[in-house]
Protein backbone atom coordinates (compact mmCIF):
# COMPACT_ATOMS: atom_id res chain seq x y z
CA UNK A 1 -0.05 -0.14 0.20
CA UNK A 2 1.45 3.30 -0.79
CA UNK A 3 1.51 6.62 1.38
CA UNK A 4 -1.39 9.20 0.23
CA UNK A 5 0.06 13.05 0.27
CA UNK A 6 -1.78 15.05 3.14
CA UNK A 7 -3.51 18.01 1.74
CA UNK A 8 -1.82 21.25 2.43
CA UNK A 9 -4.39 22.53 4.42
CA UNK A 10 -4.35 19.48 6.83
CA UNK A 11 -0.55 19.59 7.20
CA UNK A 12 -1.18 23.24 7.69
CA UNK A 13 -3.39 22.91 10.70
CA UNK A 14 -0.93 20.36 12.29
CA UNK A 15 1.80 22.77 11.95
CA UNK A 16 -0.07 25.37 13.71
CA UNK A 17 -0.95 23.34 16.56
CA UNK A 18 2.57 21.90 16.96
CA UNK A 19 4.49 22.84 19.87
CA UNK A 20 8.60 22.83 20.72
CA UNK A 21 8.82 21.02 23.88
CA UNK A 22 11.76 19.42 25.93
CA UNK A 23 12.65 15.90 25.22
CA UNK A 24 11.30 13.85 28.01
CA UNK A 25 13.17 10.88 28.10
CA UNK A 26 16.63 11.08 30.04
CA UNK A 27 18.23 9.49 27.05
CA UNK A 28 17.69 12.37 24.85
CA UNK A 29 18.17 15.29 27.59
CA UNK A 30 19.96 17.61 25.09
CA UNK A 31 16.75 17.46 22.47
CA UNK A 32 13.81 19.45 21.76
CA UNK A 33 10.69 18.09 20.20
CA UNK A 34 8.11 19.52 17.62
CA UNK A 35 4.91 17.45 18.73
CA UNK A 36 1.60 17.73 17.34
CA UNK A 37 -1.51 18.14 19.29
CA UNK A 38 -1.73 14.36 19.28
CA UNK A 39 1.49 14.08 21.14
CA UNK A 40 3.43 12.94 18.21
CA UNK A 41 6.81 13.79 17.36
CA UNK A 42 7.19 15.55 13.93
CA UNK A 43 10.54 17.00 14.65
CA UNK A 44 13.53 16.70 16.80
CA UNK A 45 15.52 19.61 17.27
CA UNK A 46 19.55 19.00 18.96
CA UNK A 47 22.24 21.36 20.06
CA UNK A 48 24.87 21.15 17.05
CA UNK A 49 28.11 20.92 18.35
CA UNK A 50 31.86 22.10 16.75
CA UNK A 51 35.13 21.91 18.07
CA UNK A 52 33.55 21.24 21.95
CA UNK A 53 31.28 24.34 21.56
CA UNK A 54 27.82 24.38 20.65
CA UNK A 55 27.83 26.10 17.02
CA UNK A 56 23.57 26.16 16.95
CA UNK A 57 21.02 23.78 16.39
CA UNK A 58 20.14 21.24 14.20
CA UNK A 59 17.14 19.55 13.42
CA UNK A 60 15.52 16.47 11.56
CA UNK A 61 12.58 14.68 10.88
CA UNK A 62 11.40 12.58 13.37
CA UNK A 63 11.96 8.68 12.63
CA UNK A 64 14.84 9.65 10.22
CA UNK A 65 17.87 10.47 12.46
CA UNK A 66 20.14 13.17 11.96
CA UNK A 67 21.23 13.86 9.00
CA UNK A 68 24.57 15.88 8.24
CA UNK A 69 22.81 17.47 4.83
CA UNK A 70 21.22 19.73 7.29
CA UNK A 71 22.85 23.04 8.20
CA UNK A 72 22.82 24.40 11.64
CA UNK A 73 20.29 27.17 12.82
CA UNK A 74 21.17 30.30 15.23
CA UNK A 75 18.05 29.50 17.35
CA UNK A 76 16.16 26.24 18.46
CA UNK A 77 13.15 28.10 17.26
CA UNK A 78 14.66 28.54 13.97
CA UNK A 79 15.78 24.68 13.78
CA UNK A 80 11.94 24.13 14.53
CA UNK A 81 10.54 26.50 12.20
CA UNK A 82 12.95 24.87 8.97
CA UNK A 83 11.95 21.15 10.32
CA UNK A 84 8.53 21.70 10.13
CA UNK A 85 8.77 23.31 6.93
CA UNK A 86 10.58 20.08 5.43
CA UNK A 87 8.18 18.08 7.32
CA UNK A 88 5.28 19.99 5.40
CA UNK A 89 7.10 19.43 1.93
CA UNK A 90 7.21 15.73 3.04
CA UNK A 91 3.88 14.82 4.65
CA UNK A 92 2.27 17.05 1.32
CA UNK A 93 4.64 15.42 -1.47
CA UNK A 94 3.42 12.60 -3.56
CA UNK A 95 5.36 9.38 -3.48
CA UNK A 96 7.50 8.87 -6.13
CA UNK A 97 6.30 5.45 -8.37
């Protein structure tokens, strides 16, 4: 069964109710989660370190794991916005044949 794309209106409604919250598990004590109204994690935001110092915040779609292709954002809120934009593109995209 193939995944059906979500409508842009539905994706926007989910994004508008999403909140940035601190991760609840001890193994992710540095991470923040962008969650929807059903407490489903959409995006993970984590500090980015370079040479032992934090150099911004990175994000990735929940379930996909960290990627080296995303550039760090200056604040965790900016990383959350960038992550939600990517989530919206993923949720509304038609699956490739």
